[in-house]
Every structure is written in C-alpha cells, then in structure tokens.
PDB file of all heavy atoms in Angstrom:
ATOM      1  N   TYR A   1      -6.314-152.194 127.118  1.00  0.00           N
ATOM      2  CA  TYR A   1      -6.742-153.044 126.011  1.00  0.00           C
ATOM      3  C   TYR A   1      -8.158-152.701 125.543  1.00  0.00           C
ATOM      4  O   TYR A   1      -8.654-153.297 124.590  1.00  0.00           O
ATOM      5  CB  TYR A   1      -6.684-154.514 126.429  1.00  0.00           C
ATOM      6  CG  TYR A   1      -5.274-155.004 126.659  1.00  0.00           C
ATOM      7  CD1 TYR A   1      -4.708-154.969 127.931  1.00  0.00           C
ATOM      8  CD2 TYR A   1      -4.500-155.496 125.605  1.00  0.00           C
ATOM      9  CE1 TYR A   1      -3.410-155.411 128.152  1.00  0.00           C
ATOM     10  CE2 TYR A   1      -3.197-155.940 125.813  1.00  0.00           C
ATOM     11  CZ  TYR A   1      -2.656-155.893 127.089  1.00  0.00           C
ATOM     12  OH  TYR A   1      -1.372-156.325 127.295  1.00  0.00           O
ATOM     13  N   GLU A   2      -8.818-151.785 126.234  1.00  0.00           N
ATOM     14  CA  GLU A   2     -10.169-151.385 125.841  1.00  0.00           C
ATOM     15  C   GLU A   2     -10.129-150.588 124.543  1.00  0.00           C
ATOM     16  O   GLU A   2      -9.196-149.848 124.268  1.00  0.00           O
ATOM     17  CB  GLU A   2     -10.807-150.495 126.909  1.00  0.00           C
ATOM     18  CG  GLU A   2     -11.158-151.178 128.195  1.00  0.00           C
ATOM     19  CD  GLU A   2     -11.807-150.202 129.161  1.00  0.00           C
ATOM     20  OE1 GLU A   2     -11.543-148.988 129.061  1.00  0.00           O
ATOM     21  OE2 GLU A   2     -12.573-150.661 130.000  1.00  0.00           O
ATOM     22  N   ARG A   3     -11.202-150.724 123.781  1.00  0.00           N
ATOM     23  CA  ARG A   3     -11.400-149.800 122.676  1.00  0.00           C
ATOM     24  C   ARG A   3     -11.786-148.444 123.247  1.00  0.00           C
ATOM     25  O   ARG A   3     -12.604-148.354 124.158  1.00  0.00           O
ATOM     26  CB  ARG A   3     -12.515-150.307 121.754  1.00  0.00           C
ATOM     27  CG  ARG A   3     -12.861-149.342 120.603  1.00  0.00           C
ATOM     28  CD  ARG A   3     -14.114-149.765 119.862  1.00  0.00           C
ATOM     29  NE  ARG A   3     -13.891-150.922 119.028  1.00  0.00           N
ATOM     30  CZ  ARG A   3     -13.443-150.885 117.778  1.00  0.00           C
ATOM     31  NH1 ARG A   3     -13.158-149.717 117.216  1.00  0.00           N
ATOM     32  NH2 ARG A   3     -13.281-151.999 117.091  1.00  0.00           N
ATOM     33  N   ASN A   4     -11.176-147.378 122.730  1.00  0.00           N
ATOM     34  CA  ASN A   4     -11.615-146.028 123.047  1.00  0.00           C
ATOM     35  C   ASN A   4     -11.577-145.733 124.556  1.00  0.00           C
ATOM     36  O   ASN A   4     -12.591-145.385 125.157  1.00  0.00           O
ATOM     37  CB  ASN A   4     -13.033-145.830 122.497  1.00  0.00           C
ATOM     38  CG  ASN A   4     -13.564-144.435 122.683  1.00  0.00           C
ATOM     39  OD1 ASN A   4     -12.812-143.462 122.726  1.00  0.00           O
ATOM     40  ND2 ASN A   4     -14.874-144.326 122.806  1.00  0.00           N
ATOM     41  N   PRO A   5     -10.420-145.870 125.211  1.00  0.00           N
ATOM     42  CA  PRO A   5     -10.388-145.700 126.675  1.00  0.00           C
ATOM     43  C   PRO A   5     -10.825-144.322 127.150  1.00  0.00           C
ATOM     44  O   PRO A   5     -11.533-144.198 128.149  1.00  0.00           O
ATOM     45  CB  PRO A   5      -8.923-145.995 127.027  1.00  0.00           C
ATOM     46  CG  PRO A   5      -8.160-145.838 125.754  1.00  0.00           C
ATOM     47  CD  PRO A   5      -9.095-146.232 124.661  1.00  0.00           C
ATOM     48  N   PHE A   6     -10.413-143.250 126.441  1.00  0.00           N
ATOM     49  CA  PHE A   6     -10.799-141.918 126.893  1.00  0.00           C
ATOM     50  C   PHE A   6     -12.288-141.677 126.679  1.00  0.00           C
ATOM     51  O   PHE A   6     -12.969-141.067 127.513  1.00  0.00           O
ATOM     52  CB  PHE A   6      -9.978-140.847 126.175  1.00  0.00           C
ATOM     53  CG  PHE A   6     -10.226-139.464 126.699  1.00  0.00           C
ATOM     54  CD1 PHE A   6      -9.810-139.094 127.967  1.00  0.00           C
ATOM     55  CD2 PHE A   6     -10.898-138.526 125.927  1.00  0.00           C
ATOM     56  CE1 PHE A   6     -10.048-137.817 128.457  1.00  0.00           C
ATOM     57  CE2 PHE A   6     -11.138-137.241 126.414  1.00  0.00           C
ATOM     58  CZ  PHE A   6     -10.708-136.892 127.677  1.00  0.00           C
ATOM     59  N   GLY A   7     -12.825-142.153 125.559  1.00  0.00           N
ATOM     60  CA  GLY A   7     -14.264-142.006 125.312  1.00  0.00           C
ATOM     61  C   GLY A   7     -15.095-142.744 126.339  1.00  0.00           C
ATOM     62  O   GLY A   7     -16.118-142.245 126.813  1.00  0.00           O
ATOM     63  N   ARG A   8     -14.663-143.965 126.712  1.00  0.00           N
ATOM     64  CA  ARG A   8     -15.360-144.705 127.761  1.00  0.00           C
ATOM     65  C   ARG A   8     -15.337-143.926 129.071  1.00  0.00           C
ATOM     66  O   ARG A   8     -16.321-143.894 129.811  1.00  0.00           O
ATOM     67  CB  ARG A   8     -14.691-146.069 127.971  1.00  0.00           C
ATOM     68  CG  ARG A   8     -14.970-147.092 126.888  1.00  0.00           C
ATOM     69  CD  ARG A   8     -14.142-148.334 127.143  1.00  0.00           C
ATOM     70  NE  ARG A   8     -14.355-149.362 126.151  1.00  0.00           N
ATOM     71  CZ  ARG A   8     -15.079-150.457 126.329  1.00  0.00           C
ATOM     72  NH1 ARG A   8     -15.695-150.645 127.478  1.00  0.00           N
ATOM     73  NH2 ARG A   8     -15.201-151.346 125.376  1.00  0.00           N
ATOM     74  N   TYR A   9     -14.191-143.320 129.339  1.00  0.00           N
ATOM     75  CA  TYR A   9     -14.071-142.538 130.577  1.00  0.00           C
ATOM     76  C   TYR A   9     -15.067-141.380 130.572  1.00  0.00           C
ATOM     77  O   TYR A   9     -15.736-141.117 131.581  1.00  0.00           O
ATOM     78  CB  TYR A   9     -12.643-142.013 130.719  1.00  0.00           C
ATOM     79  CG  TYR A   9     -12.494-140.959 131.791  1.00  0.00           C
ATOM     80  CD1 TYR A   9     -12.450-141.314 133.141  1.00  0.00           C
ATOM     81  CD2 TYR A   9     -12.424-139.609 131.460  1.00  0.00           C
ATOM     82  CE1 TYR A   9     -12.333-140.347 134.123  1.00  0.00           C
ATOM     83  CE2 TYR A   9     -12.306-138.643 132.441  1.00  0.00           C
ATOM     84  CZ  TYR A   9     -12.263-139.010 133.769  1.00  0.00           C
ATOM     85  OH  TYR A   9     -12.153-138.057 134.734  1.00  0.00           O
ATOM     86  N   LEU A  10     -15.193-140.691 129.441  1.00  0.00           N
ATOM     87  CA  LEU A  10     -16.129-139.570 129.355  1.00  0.00           C
ATOM     88  C   LEU A  10     -17.554-140.022 129.633  1.00  0.00           C
ATOM     89  O   LEU A  10     -18.308-139.362 130.355  1.00  0.00           O
ATOM     90  CB  LEU A  10     -16.051-138.929 127.968  1.00  0.00           C
ATOM     91  CG  LEU A  10     -14.794-138.121 127.632  1.00  0.00           C
ATOM     92  CD1 LEU A  10     -14.865-137.628 126.189  1.00  0.00           C
ATOM     93  CD2 LEU A  10     -14.626-136.948 128.579  1.00  0.00           C
ATOM     94  N   VAL A  11     -17.936-141.151 129.064  1.00  0.00           N
ATOM     95  CA  VAL A  11     -19.319-141.617 129.193  1.00  0.00           C
ATOM     96  C   VAL A  11     -19.618-142.089 130.607  1.00  0.00           C
ATOM     97  O   VAL A  11     -20.703-141.846 131.137  1.00  0.00           O
ATOM     98  CB  VAL A  11     -19.594-142.736 128.168  1.00  0.00           C
ATOM     99  CG1 VAL A  11     -20.983-143.342 128.394  1.00  0.00           C
ATOM    100  CG2 VAL A  11     -19.492-142.192 126.745  1.00  0.00           C
ATOM    101  N   ARG A  12     -18.638-142.771 131.222  1.00  0.00           N
ATOM    102  CA  ARG A  12     -18.941-143.349 132.530  1.00  0.00           C
ATOM    103  C   ARG A  12     -18.611-142.446 133.715  1.00  0.00           C
ATOM    104  O   ARG A  12     -18.967-142.754 134.842  1.00  0.00           O
ATOM    105  CB  ARG A  12     -18.235-144.696 132.694  1.00  0.00           C
ATOM    106  CG  ARG A  12     -16.736-144.644 132.709  1.00  0.00           C
ATOM    107  CD  ARG A  12     -16.157-146.040 132.994  1.00  0.00           C
ATOM    108  NE  ARG A  12     -14.754-146.112 132.626  1.00  0.00           N
ATOM    109  CZ  ARG A  12     -14.279-146.880 131.666  1.00  0.00           C
ATOM    110  NH1 ARG A  12     -15.096-147.645 130.976  1.00  0.00           N
ATOM    111  NH2 ARG A  12     -12.990-146.896 131.384  1.00  0.00           N
ATOM    112  N   SER A  13     -17.909-141.332 133.466  1.00  0.00           N
ATOM    113  CA  SER A  13     -17.557-140.458 134.589  1.00  0.00           C
ATOM    114  C   SER A  13     -18.709-139.511 134.899  1.00  0.00           C
ATOM    115  O   SER A  13     -19.203-138.806 134.027  1.00  0.00           O
ATOM    116  CB  SER A  13     -16.298-139.652 134.270  1.00  0.00           C
ATOM    117  OG  SER A  13     -16.516-138.807 133.158  1.00  0.00           O
ATOM    118  N   GLU A  14     -19.136-139.512 136.118  1.00  0.00           N
ATOM    119  CA  GLU A  14     -20.212-138.657 136.604  1.00  0.00           C
ATOM    120  C   GLU A  14     -21.422-138.672 135.674  1.00  0.00           C
ATOM    121  O   GLU A  14     -21.811-137.630 135.129  1.00  0.00           O
ATOM    122  CB  GLU A  14     -19.717-137.217 136.790  1.00  0.00           C
ATOM    123  CG  GLU A  14     -18.580-137.102 137.792  1.00  0.00           C
ATOM    124  CD  GLU A  14     -18.156-135.666 138.006  1.00  0.00           C
ATOM    125  OE1 GLU A  14     -18.861-134.772 137.515  1.00  0.00           O
ATOM    126  OE2 GLU A  14     -17.144-135.457 138.666  1.00  0.00           O
ATOM    127  N   PRO A  15     -22.035-139.836 135.457  1.00  0.00           N
ATOM    128  CA  PRO A  15     -23.190-139.886 134.557  1.00  0.00           C
ATOM    129  C   PRO A  15     -24.329-139.045 135.117  1.00  0.00           C
ATOM    130  O   PRO A  15     -24.628-139.107 136.304  1.00  0.00           O
ATOM    131  CB  PRO A  15     -23.570-141.377 134.554  1.00  0.00           C
ATOM    132  CG  PRO A  15     -23.003-141.911 135.830  1.00  0.00           C
ATOM    133  CD  PRO A  15     -21.758-141.120 136.101  1.00  0.00           C
ATOM    134  N   PRO A  16     -24.984-138.212 134.280  1.00  0.00           N
ATOM    135  CA  PRO A  16     -26.059-137.356 134.789  1.00  0.00           C
ATOM    136  C   PRO A  16     -27.270-138.175 135.213  1.00  0.00           C
ATOM    137  O   PRO A  16     -27.595-139.191 134.611  1.00  0.00           O
ATOM    138  CB  PRO A  16     -26.390-136.461 133.585  1.00  0.00           C
ATOM    139  CG  PRO A  16     -25.945-137.250 132.396  1.00  0.00           C
ATOM    140  CD  PRO A  16     -24.745-138.027 132.840  1.00  0.00           C
ATOM    141  N   ASP A  17     -27.914-137.729 136.260  1.00  0.00           N
ATOM    142  CA  ASP A  17     -29.129-138.369 136.740  1.00  0.00           C
ATOM    143  C   ASP A  17     -30.313-137.530 136.280  1.00  0.00           C
ATOM    144  O   ASP A  17     -30.558-136.438 136.784  1.00  0.00           O
ATOM    145  CB  ASP A  17     -29.109-138.476 138.264  1.00  0.00           C
ATOM    146  CG  ASP A  17     -30.366-139.141 138.805  1.00  0.00           C
ATOM    147  OD1 ASP A  17     -31.128-139.698 137.995  1.00  0.00           O
ATOM    148  OD2 ASP A  17     -30.593-139.084 140.017  1.00  0.00           O
ATOM    149  N   TYR A  18     -31.027-138.047 135.300  1.00  0.00           N
ATOM    150  CA  TYR A  18     -32.164-137.316 134.746  1.00  0.00           C
ATOM    151  C   TYR A  18     -33.476-137.635 135.448  1.00  0.00           C
ATOM    152  O   TYR A  18     -34.485-136.976 135.178  1.00  0.00           O
ATOM    153  CB  TYR A  18     -32.333-137.659 133.256  1.00  0.00           C
ATOM    154  CG  TYR A  18     -31.208-137.216 132.359  1.00  0.00           C
ATOM    155  CD1 TYR A  18     -30.287-138.126 131.852  1.00  0.00           C
ATOM    156  CD2 TYR A  18     -31.068-135.881 131.984  1.00  0.00           C
ATOM    157  CE1 TYR A  18     -29.262-137.722 131.006  1.00  0.00           C
ATOM    158  CE2 TYR A  18     -30.052-135.470 131.146  1.00  0.00           C
ATOM    159  CZ  TYR A  18     -29.150-136.399 130.662  1.00  0.00           C
ATOM    160  OH  TYR A  18     -28.139-136.001 129.825  1.00  0.00           O
ATOM    161  N   THR A  19     -33.499-138.649 136.305  1.00  0.00           N
ATOM    162  CA  THR A  19     -34.778-139.149 136.796  1.00  0.00           C
ATOM    163  C   THR A  19     -35.552-138.119 137.607  1.00  0.00           C
ATOM    164  O   THR A  19     -36.784-138.161 137.644  1.00  0.00           O
ATOM    165  CB  THR A  19     -34.590-140.419 137.641  1.00  0.00           C
ATOM    166  OG1 THR A  19     -33.650-140.158 138.692  1.00  0.00           O
ATOM    167  CG2 THR A  19     -34.061-141.560 136.790  1.00  0.00           C
ATOM    168  N   PHE A  20     -34.847-137.166 138.245  1.00  0.00           N
ATOM    169  CA  PHE A  20     -35.582-136.188 139.051  1.00  0.00           C
ATOM    170  C   PHE A  20     -36.466-135.304 138.178  1.00  0.00           C
ATOM    171  O   PHE A  20     -37.476-134.770 138.655  1.00  0.00           O
ATOM    172  CB  PHE A  20     -34.621-135.341 139.901  1.00  0.00           C
ATOM    173  CG  PHE A  20     -33.849-134.300 139.151  1.00  0.00           C
ATOM    174  CD1 PHE A  20     -34.318-133.006 139.049  1.00  0.00           C
ATOM    175  CD2 PHE A  20     -32.631-134.611 138.559  1.00  0.00           C
ATOM    176  CE1 PHE A  20     -33.604-132.029 138.379  1.00  0.00           C
ATOM    177  CE2 PHE A  20     -31.906-133.650 137.887  1.00  0.00           C
ATOM    178  CZ  PHE A  20     -32.394-132.357 137.791  1.00  0.00           C
ATOM    179  N   TYR A  21     -36.118-135.159 136.881  1.00  0.00           N
ATOM    180  CA  TYR A  21     -37.006-134.426 135.979  1.00  0.00           C
ATOM    181  C   TYR A  21     -38.348-135.156 135.862  1.00  0.00           C
ATOM    182  O   TYR A  21     -39.413-134.530 135.860  1.00  0.00           O
ATOM    183  CB  TYR A  21     -36.380-134.284 134.590  1.00  0.00           C
ATOM    184  CG  TYR A  21     -35.177-133.374 134.533  1.00  0.00           C
ATOM    185  CD1 TYR A  21     -33.907-133.891 134.294  1.00  0.00           C
ATOM    186  CD2 TYR A  21     -35.306-132.008 134.698  1.00  0.00           C
ATOM    187  CE1 TYR A  21     -32.787-133.060 134.217  1.00  0.00           C
ATOM    188  CE2 TYR A  21     -34.205-131.168 134.637  1.00  0.00           C
ATOM    189  CZ  TYR A  21     -32.950-131.696 134.398  1.00  0.00           C
ATOM    190  OH  TYR A  21     -31.850-130.874 134.334  1.00  0.00           O
ATOM    191  N   GLY A  22     -38.282-136.468 135.735  1.00  0.00           N
ATOM    192  CA  GLY A  22     -39.518-137.243 135.665  1.00  0.00           C
ATOM    193  C   GLY A  22     -40.316-137.160 136.951  1.00  0.00           C
ATOM    194  O   GLY A  22     -41.553-137.072 136.920  1.00  0.00           O
ATOM    195  N   THR A  23     -39.631-137.185 138.092  1.00  0.00           N
ATOM    196  CA  THR A  23     -40.332-137.094 139.366  1.00  0.00           C
ATOM    197  C   THR A  23     -41.047-135.756 139.499  1.00  0.00           C
ATOM    198  O   THR A  23     -42.158-135.685 140.046  1.00  0.00           O
ATOM    199  CB  THR A  23     -39.343-137.292 140.528  1.00  0.00           C
ATOM    200  OG1 THR A  23     -38.642-138.518 140.348  1.00  0.00           O
ATOM    201  CG2 THR A  23     -40.070-137.327 141.861  1.00  0.00           C
ATOM    202  N   ARG A  24     -40.435-134.680 139.017  1.00  0.00           N
ATOM    203  CA  ARG A  24     -41.105-133.370 139.046  1.00  0.00           C
ATOM    204  C   ARG A  24     -42.414-133.407 138.274  1.00  0.00           C
ATOM    205  O   ARG A  24     -43.420-132.808 138.693  1.00  0.00           O
ATOM    206  CB  ARG A  24     -40.185-132.301 138.451  1.00  0.00           C
ATOM    207  CG  ARG A  24     -39.068-131.841 139.373  1.00  0.00           C
ATOM    208  CD  ARG A  24     -38.257-130.751 138.705  1.00  0.00           C
ATOM    209  NE  ARG A  24     -37.193-130.259 139.571  1.00  0.00           N
ATOM    210  CZ  ARG A  24     -36.299-129.346 139.218  1.00  0.00           C
ATOM    211  NH1 ARG A  24     -36.351-128.820 137.993  1.00  0.00           N
ATOM    212  NH2 ARG A  24     -35.371-128.950 140.060  1.00  0.00           N
ATOM    213  N   ILE A  25     -42.400-134.098 137.146  1.00  0.00           N
ATOM    214  CA  ILE A  25     -43.620-134.179 136.344  1.00  0.00           C
ATOM    215  C   ILE A  25     -44.668-135.014 137.062  1.00  0.00           C
ATOM    216  O   ILE A  25     -45.863-134.690 137.047  1.00  0.00           O
ATOM    217  CB  ILE A  25     -43.289-134.754 134.952  1.00  0.00           C
ATOM    218  CG1 ILE A  25     -42.477-133.716 134.162  1.00  0.00           C
ATOM    219  CG2 ILE A  25     -44.557-135.122 134.198  1.00  0.00           C
ATOM    220  CD1 ILE A  25     -41.973-134.221 132.844  1.00  0.00           C
ATOM    221  N   ALA A  26     -44.250-136.099 137.698  1.00  0.00           N
ATOM    222  CA  ALA A  26     -45.208-136.898 138.469  1.00  0.00           C
ATOM    223  C   ALA A  26     -45.785-136.082 139.623  1.00  0.00           C
ATOM    224  O   ALA A  26     -46.982-136.201 139.946  1.00  0.00           O
ATOM    225  CB  ALA A  26     -44.526-138.167 138.991  1.00  0.00           C
ATOM    226  N   ASP A  27     -44.967-135.247 140.260  1.00  0.00           N
ATOM    227  CA  ASP A  27     -45.476-134.341 141.302  1.00  0.00           C
ATOM    228  C   ASP A  27     -46.536-133.399 140.737  1.00  0.00           C
ATOM    229  O   ASP A  27     -47.563-133.131 141.374  1.00  0.00           O
ATOM    230  CB  ASP A  27     -44.330-133.527 141.905  1.00  0.00           C
ATOM    231  CG  ASP A  27     -43.531-134.295 142.943  1.00  0.00           C
ATOM    232  OD1 ASP A  27     -44.116-135.151 143.628  1.00  0.00           O
ATOM    233  OD2 ASP A  27     -42.322-134.026 143.083  1.00  0.00           O
ATOM    234  N   LEU A  28     -46.281-132.884 139.536  1.00  0.00           N
ATOM    235  CA  LEU A  28     -47.267-132.015 138.889  1.00  0.00           C
ATOM    236  C   LEU A  28     -48.553-132.786 138.608  1.00  0.00           C
ATOM    237  O   LEU A  28     -49.663-132.263 138.805  1.00  0.00           O
ATOM    238  CB  LEU A  28     -46.684-131.461 137.584  1.00  0.00           C
ATOM    239  CG  LEU A  28     -47.668-130.716 136.680  1.00  0.00           C
ATOM    240  CD1 LEU A  28     -48.127-129.420 137.336  1.00  0.00           C
ATOM    241  CD2 LEU A  28     -47.043-130.425 135.312  1.00  0.00           C
ATOM    242  N   ARG A  29     -48.434-134.011 138.171  1.00  0.00           N
ATOM    243  CA  ARG A  29     -49.617-134.818 137.877  1.00  0.00           C
ATOM    244  C   ARG A  29     -50.406-135.121 139.160  1.00  0.00           C
ATOM    245  O   ARG A  29     -51.626-135.297 139.108  1.00  0.00           O
ATOM    246  CB  ARG A  29     -49.212-136.102 137.161  1.00  0.00           C
ATOM    247  CG  ARG A  29     -48.633-135.838 135.771  1.00  0.00           C
ATOM    248  CD  ARG A  29     -48.185-137.125 135.085  1.00  0.00           C
ATOM    249  NE  ARG A  29     -49.312-138.025 134.935  1.00  0.00           N
ATOM    250  CZ  ARG A  29     -49.281-139.317 135.237  1.00  0.00           C
ATOM    251  NH1 ARG A  29     -48.171-139.856 135.751  1.00  0.00           N
ATOM    252  NH2 ARG A  29     -50.341-140.075 135.060  1.00  0.00           N
ATOM    253  N   ASN A  30     -49.703-135.164 140.295  1.00  0.00           N
ATOM    254  CA  ASN A  30     -50.417-135.292 141.565  1.00  0.00           C
ATOM    255  C   ASN A  30     -51.276-134.065 141.842  1.00  0.00           C
ATOM    256  O   ASN A  30     -52.417-134.167 142.305  1.00  0.00           O
ATOM    257  CB  ASN A  30     -49.424-135.496 142.707  1.00  0.00           C
ATOM    258  CG  ASN A  30     -49.433-136.915 143.243  1.00  0.00           C
ATOM    259  OD1 ASN A  30     -50.220-137.746 142.812  1.00  0.00           O
ATOM    260  ND2 ASN A  30     -48.558-137.194 144.189  1.00  0.00           N
ATOM    261  N   LEU A  31     -50.722-132.882 141.574  1.00  0.00           N
ATOM    262  CA  LEU A  31     -51.495-131.652 141.724  1.00  0.00           C
ATOM    263  C   LEU A  31     -52.683-131.649 140.769  1.00  0.00           C
ATOM    264  O   LEU A  31     -53.789-131.208 141.126  1.00  0.00           O
ATOM    265  CB  LEU A  31     -50.598-130.435 141.477  1.00  0.00           C
ATOM    266  CG  LEU A  31     -51.275-129.062 141.466  1.00  0.00           C
ATOM    267  CD1 LEU A  31     -51.982-128.795 142.796  1.00  0.00           C
ATOM    268  CD2 LEU A  31     -50.245-127.957 141.192  1.00  0.00           C
ATOM    269  N   ALA A  32     -52.473-132.146 139.552  1.00  0.00           N
ATOM    270  CA  ALA A  32     -53.573-132.228 138.584  1.00  0.00           C
ATOM    271  C   ALA A  32     -54.661-133.179 139.096  1.00  0.00           C
ATOM    272  O   ALA A  32     -55.861-132.906 138.951  1.00  0.00           O
ATOM    273  CB  ALA A  32     -53.047-132.705 137.232  1.00  0.00           C
ATOM    274  N   ALA A  33     -54.248-134.297 139.707  1.00  0.00           N
ATOM    275  CA  ALA A  33     -55.227-135.241 140.243  1.00  0.00           C
ATOM    276  C   ALA A  33     -56.033-134.602 141.371  1.00  0.00           C
ATOM    277  O   ALA A  33     -57.262-134.774 141.461  1.00  0.00           O
ATOM    278  CB  ALA A  33     -54.504-136.496 140.752  1.00  0.00           C
ATOM    279  N   ALA A  34     -55.352-133.834 142.236  1.00  0.00           N
ATOM    280  CA  ALA A  34     -56.051-133.144 143.326  1.00  0.00           C
ATOM    281  C   ALA A  34     -56.999-132.081 142.778  1.00  0.00           C
ATOM    282  O   ALA A  34     -58.093-131.850 143.334  1.00  0.00           O
ATOM    283  CB  ALA A  34     -55.039-132.517 144.278  1.00  0.00           C
ATOM    284  N   THR A  35     -56.610-131.430 141.680  1.00  0.00           N
ATOM    285  CA  THR A  35     -57.473-130.422 141.061  1.00  0.00           C
ATOM    286  C   THR A  35     -58.705-131.069 140.449  1.00  0.00           C
ATOM    287  O   THR A  35     -59.837-130.562 140.589  1.00  0.00           O
ATOM    288  CB  THR A  35     -56.688-129.644 139.986  1.00  0.00           C
ATOM    289  OG1 THR A  35     -55.531-129.055 140.579  1.00  0.00           O
ATOM    290  CG2 THR A  35     -57.546-128.548 139.366  1.00  0.00           C
ATOM    291  N   ARG A  36     -58.525-132.204 139.780  1.00  0.00           N
ATOM    292  CA  ARG A  36     -59.685-132.919 139.226  1.00  0.00           C
ATOM    293  C   ARG A  36     -60.620-133.382 140.347  1.00  0.00           C
ATOM    294  O   ARG A  36     -61.855-133.344 140.201  1.00  0.00           O
ATOM    295  CB  ARG A  36     -59.212-134.118 138.398  1.00  0.00           C
ATOM    296  CG  ARG A  36     -58.594-133.740 137.058  1.00  0.00           C
ATOM    297  CD  ARG A  36     -58.429-134.958 136.166  1.00  0.00           C
ATOM    298  NE  ARG A  36     -57.433-135.878 136.688  1.00  0.00           N
ATOM    299  CZ  ARG A  36     -56.136-135.845 136.366  1.00  0.00           C
ATOM    300  NH1 ARG A  36     -55.680-134.916 135.539  1.00  0.00           N
ATOM    301  NH2 ARG A  36     -55.298-136.721 136.882  1.00  0.00           N
ATOM    302  N   LEU A  37     -60.030-133.805 141.457  1.00  0.00           N
ATOM    303  CA  LEU A  37     -60.847-134.197 142.607  1.00  0.00           C
ATOM    304  C   LEU A  37     -61.694-133.023 143.091  1.00  0.00           C
ATOM    305  O   LEU A  37     -62.888-133.167 143.373  1.00  0.00           O
ATOM    306  CB  LEU A  37     -59.938-134.704 143.719  1.00  0.00           C
ATOM    307  CG  LEU A  37     -60.609-135.135 145.029  1.00  0.00           C
ATOM    308  CD1 LEU A  37     -61.513-136.341 144.798  1.00  0.00           C
ATOM    309  CD2 LEU A  37     -59.559-135.456 146.088  1.00  0.00           C
ATOM    310  N   THR A  38     -61.082-131.851 143.165  1.00  0.00           N
ATOM    311  CA  THR A  38     -61.809-130.643 143.601  1.00  0.00           C
ATOM    312  C   THR A  38     -62.947-130.325 142.645  1.00  0.00           C
ATOM    313  O   THR A  38     -64.073-129.976 143.067  1.00  0.00           O
ATOM    314  CB  THR A  38     -60.838-129.446 143.679  1.00  0.00           C
ATOM    315  OG1 THR A  38     -59.729-129.778 144.517  1.00  0.00           O
ATOM    316  CG2 THR A  38     -61.532-128.213 144.232  1.00  0.00           C
ATOM    317  N   ILE A  39     -62.680-130.449 141.344  1.00  0.00           N
ATOM    318  CA  ILE A  39     -63.710-130.160 140.337  1.00  0.00           C
ATOM    319  C   ILE A  39     -64.888-131.122 140.493  1.00  0.00           C
ATOM    320  O   ILE A  39     -66.062-130.711 140.470  1.00  0.00           O
ATOM    321  CB  ILE A  39     -63.107-130.263 138.918  1.00  0.00           C
ATOM    322  CG1 ILE A  39     -62.063-129.165 138.702  1.00  0.00           C
ATOM    323  CG2 ILE A  39     -64.197-130.172 137.852  1.00  0.00           C
ATOM    324  CD1 ILE A  39     -61.205-129.361 137.463  1.00  0.00           C
ATOM    325  N   GLU A  40     -64.602-132.396 140.677  1.00  0.00           N
ATOM    326  CA  GLU A  40     -65.668-133.391 140.794  1.00  0.00           C
ATOM    327  C   GLU A  40     -66.480-133.191 142.080  1.00  0.00           C
ATOM    328  O   GLU A  40     -67.717-133.357 142.087  1.00  0.00           O
ATOM    329  CB  GLU A  40     -65.080-134.805 140.741  1.00  0.00           C
ATOM    330  CG  GLU A  40     -66.104-135.914 140.690  1.00  0.00           C
ATOM    331  CD  GLU A  40     -67.018-135.820 139.469  1.00  0.00           C
ATOM    332  OE1 GLU A  40     -66.569-135.297 138.417  1.00  0.00           O
ATOM    333  OE2 GLU A  40     -68.179-136.272 139.575  1.00  0.00           O
ATOM    334  N   VAL A  41     -65.790-132.832 143.144  1.00  0.00           N
ATOM    335  CA  VAL A  41     -66.486-132.564 144.399  1.00  0.00           C
ATOM    336  C   VAL A  41     -67.467-131.411 144.230  1.00  0.00           C
ATOM    337  O   VAL A  41     -68.627-131.472 144.702  1.00  0.00           O
ATOM    338  CB  VAL A  41     -65.467-132.259 145.519  1.00  0.00           C
ATOM    339  CG1 VAL A  41     -66.160-131.628 146.731  1.00  0.00           C
ATOM    340  CG2 VAL A  41     -64.736-133.529 145.935  1.00  0.00           C
ATOM    341  N   ARG A  42     -67.054-130.341 143.524  1.00  0.00           N
ATOM    342  CA  ARG A  42     -67.953-129.203 143.329  1.00  0.00           C
ATOM    343  C   ARG A  42     -69.054-129.542 142.326  1.00  0.00           C
ATOM    344  O   ARG A  42     -70.182-129.072 142.450  1.00  0.00           O
ATOM    345  CB  ARG A  42     -67.148-127.989 142.837  1.00  0.00           C
ATOM    346  CG  ARG A  42     -66.301-127.358 143.922  1.00  0.00           C
ATOM    347  CD  ARG A  42     -67.184-126.788 145.040  1.00  0.00           C
ATOM    348  NE  ARG A  42     -66.390-126.161 146.080  1.00  0.00           N
ATOM    349  CZ  ARG A  42     -65.934-126.778 147.170  1.00  0.00           C
ATOM    350  NH1 ARG A  42     -66.202-128.068 147.361  1.00  0.00           N
ATOM    351  NH2 ARG A  42     -65.229-126.129 148.069  1.00  0.00           N
ATOM    352  N   ARG A  43     -68.739-130.362 141.338  1.00  0.00           N
ATOM    353  CA  ARG A  43     -69.770-130.766 140.384  1.00  0.00           C
ATOM    354  C   ARG A  43     -70.905-131.512 141.104  1.00  0.00           C
ATOM    355  O   ARG A  43     -72.089-131.271 140.850  1.00  0.00           O
ATOM    356  CB  ARG A  43     -69.164-131.665 139.302  1.00  0.00           C
ATOM    357  CG  ARG A  43     -70.163-132.034 138.175  1.00  0.00           C
ATOM    358  CD  ARG A  43     -69.894-133.436 137.611  1.00  0.00           C
ATOM    359  NE  ARG A  43     -68.567-133.588 137.062  1.00  0.00           N
ATOM    360  CZ  ARG A  43     -68.262-133.550 135.771  1.00  0.00           C
ATOM    361  NH1 ARG A  43     -69.211-133.313 134.876  1.00  0.00           N
ATOM    362  NH2 ARG A  43     -67.025-133.746 135.376  1.00  0.00           N
ATOM    363  N   GLN A  44     -70.520-132.398 142.030  1.00  0.00           N
ATOM    364  CA  GLN A  44     -71.527-133.185 142.736  1.00  0.00           C
ATOM    365  C   GLN A  44     -72.077-132.472 143.971  1.00  0.00           C
ATOM    366  O   GLN A  44     -73.060-132.928 144.562  1.00  0.00           O
ATOM    367  CB  GLN A  44     -70.923-134.534 143.162  1.00  0.00           C
ATOM    368  CG  GLN A  44     -70.505-135.426 142.009  1.00  0.00           C
ATOM    369  CD  GLN A  44     -70.095-136.814 142.473  1.00  0.00           C
ATOM    370  OE1 GLN A  44     -70.613-137.337 143.472  1.00  0.00           O
ATOM    371  NE2 GLN A  44     -69.176-137.429 141.740  1.00  0.00           N
ATOM    372  N   GLY A  45     -71.442-131.354 144.362  1.00  0.00           N
ATOM    373  CA  GLY A  45     -71.912-130.628 145.537  1.00  0.00           C
ATOM    374  C   GLY A  45     -71.752-131.423 146.822  1.00  0.00           C
ATOM    375  O   GLY A  45     -72.627-131.369 147.704  1.00  0.00           O
TER     376      GLY A  45
END
C-alpha cells in the first residue's frame, strides 16, 4: 500500500555512511591545531 515501493527500497537499502569523511577532516584539523601550537611555541621561544 506504500507509494513507490521500489523507490523506497532503493533509498532505504544499504544507506551510505558519509560521516567518516567528516571525521577525516576533523583529524586533519587536529594536525592543524598541533601545527599552530608548534608555531606559537617557537614564536615565544
């Protein structure tokens, strides 16, 4: 009785998980934070 049963199946079957892409970027931003820390440490000696 659903509208569009096959289309619903396509959308809900094995939905892709994109969040790990975001986590990779946050990991990169952690490296950037550590690099800024290194720069500030050398600036202040």
